[in-house]
Protein backbone atom coordinates (compact mmCIF):
# COMPACT_ATOMS: atom_id res chain seq x y z
CA MET A 1 40.76 234.80 163.45
CA ALA A 2 43.34 235.65 160.81
CA GLY A 3 46.57 233.68 160.78
CA GLU A 4 50.06 235.11 160.62
CA ARG A 5 50.34 234.37 156.89
CA ASP A 6 47.13 236.29 156.18
CA ILE A 7 48.38 239.26 158.17
CA ALA A 8 51.75 239.13 156.36
CA ILE A 9 49.96 239.15 152.99
CA ALA A 10 47.86 242.13 154.11
CA ALA A 11 50.97 243.99 155.35
CA LEU A 12 52.75 243.21 152.07
CA GLY A 13 49.88 244.63 150.01
CA ALA A 14 49.47 247.67 152.23
CA SER A 15 53.20 248.44 152.15
CA ILE A 16 53.27 248.29 148.36
CA GLY A 17 50.11 250.40 148.24
CA LEU A 18 51.65 253.08 150.47
CA ALA A 19 54.84 253.11 148.41
CA SER A 20 52.79 253.52 145.23
CA VAL A 21 50.82 256.43 146.64
CA LEU A 22 54.03 258.09 147.76
CA VAL A 23 55.69 257.73 144.36
CA VAL A 24 52.69 259.38 142.69
CA PHE A 25 52.67 262.19 145.26
CA MET A 26 56.42 262.75 144.86
CA GLY A 27 56.00 262.88 141.09
CA PHE A 28 53.23 265.42 141.47
CA LEU A 29 55.42 267.62 143.67
CA LEU A 30 58.36 267.46 141.28
CA ALA A 31 56.18 268.12 138.23
CA HIS A 32 54.63 271.10 139.97
CA ALA A 33 58.05 272.48 140.91
CA TRP A 34 59.30 272.16 137.33
CA THR A 35 56.23 273.84 135.82
CA LEU A 36 56.30 276.91 138.05
CA PRO A 37 56.95 280.11 136.09
CA ASN A 38 60.50 281.41 135.88
CA THR A 39 59.49 284.38 138.01
CA THR A 40 58.75 282.11 140.97
CA PRO A 41 61.33 282.52 143.73
CA THR A 42 63.76 279.64 144.03
CA LYS A 43 62.80 279.29 147.70
CA ILE A 44 59.31 278.17 146.70
CA GLN A 45 60.62 275.80 144.04
CA ARG A 46 63.03 274.36 146.60
CA LYS A 47 60.15 273.65 149.01
CA TYR A 48 58.43 271.40 146.47
CA LYS A 49 61.62 269.60 145.56
CA LEU A 50 62.60 269.11 149.19
CA ALA A 51 59.16 267.73 150.05
CA ALA A 52 59.49 265.28 147.16
CA ARG A 53 62.98 264.19 148.23
CA TRP A 54 61.87 263.54 151.79
CA GLY A 55 59.23 261.23 150.33
CA LEU A 56 62.03 258.77 149.61
CA VAL A 57 62.26 257.95 153.32
CA PRO A 58 58.76 256.47 153.79
CA THR A 59 58.86 254.99 150.28
CA SER A 60 62.09 253.15 151.04
CA LEU A 61 60.74 251.95 154.38
CA SER A 62 57.59 250.67 152.66
CA VAL A 63 59.62 248.72 150.11
CA LEU A 64 61.86 247.26 152.83
CA GLU A 65 58.77 246.26 154.80
CA ALA A 66 57.31 244.55 151.74
CA LEU A 67 60.57 242.69 151.17
CA ALA A 68 60.61 241.51 154.78
CA CYS A 69 57.01 240.26 154.46
CA TYR A 70 57.79 238.53 151.19
CA GLY A 71 60.93 236.92 152.58
CA TRP A 72 59.08 235.70 155.64
CA LEU A 73 56.30 234.23 153.50
CA LEU A 74 58.90 232.26 151.55
CA SER A 75 61.13 231.15 154.40
CA ALA A 76 59.26 231.71 157.69
CA GLN A 77 62.48 232.83 159.40
CA ALA A 78 62.02 234.29 162.86
CA CYS A 79 64.30 237.26 162.19
CA LEU A 80 62.13 238.41 159.27
CA TYR A 81 59.05 238.00 161.44
CA GLN A 82 60.62 240.29 164.03
CA ILE A 83 61.19 242.87 161.27
CA TRP A 84 57.86 242.93 159.45
CA VAL A 85 55.53 242.81 162.45
CA PRO A 86 56.66 246.07 164.11
CA GLY A 87 57.91 247.37 160.77
CA PHE A 88 54.44 247.95 159.42
CA VAL A 89 53.56 250.15 162.38
CA VAL A 90 56.75 252.14 161.79
CA VAL A 91 55.91 252.51 158.09
CA ALA A 92 52.40 253.74 158.88
CA VAL A 93 53.64 256.29 161.44
CA VAL A 94 56.40 257.58 159.16
CA PHE A 95 53.93 257.82 156.26
CA LEU A 96 51.54 259.86 158.40
CA ALA A 97 54.33 262.11 159.68
CA TYR A 98 55.60 262.71 156.14
CA ALA A 99 52.11 263.54 154.90
CA LEU A 100 51.53 266.06 157.68
CA VAL A 101 54.94 267.70 157.36
CA ALA A 102 54.87 267.83 153.55
CA VAL A 103 51.46 269.46 153.49
CA ALA A 104 52.45 271.95 156.19
CA MET A 105 55.72 272.67 154.36
CA ILE A 106 54.00 273.60 151.14
């Protein structure tokens, strides 16, 4: 069975992976908004930009989760353990919610 350190390393890698995917997706949305023709209504452009901005929420949570995992791996403090263990579930749920809402929004 995997130990706590192995699970923390997996959560660290997964959190960074999710943040990376989100940054690429946000960049795609912004690039698409900026390359729309001038005749495109501002409401449509605003949808893409808003979807990209909301991506900062799960991205920030993913980075904070990774920092908590990293800190716990270095110091093994109980408070960091209490953050990263449920934190990864929160990051995964927020990531899924953002993905569903962003796709439905566009």
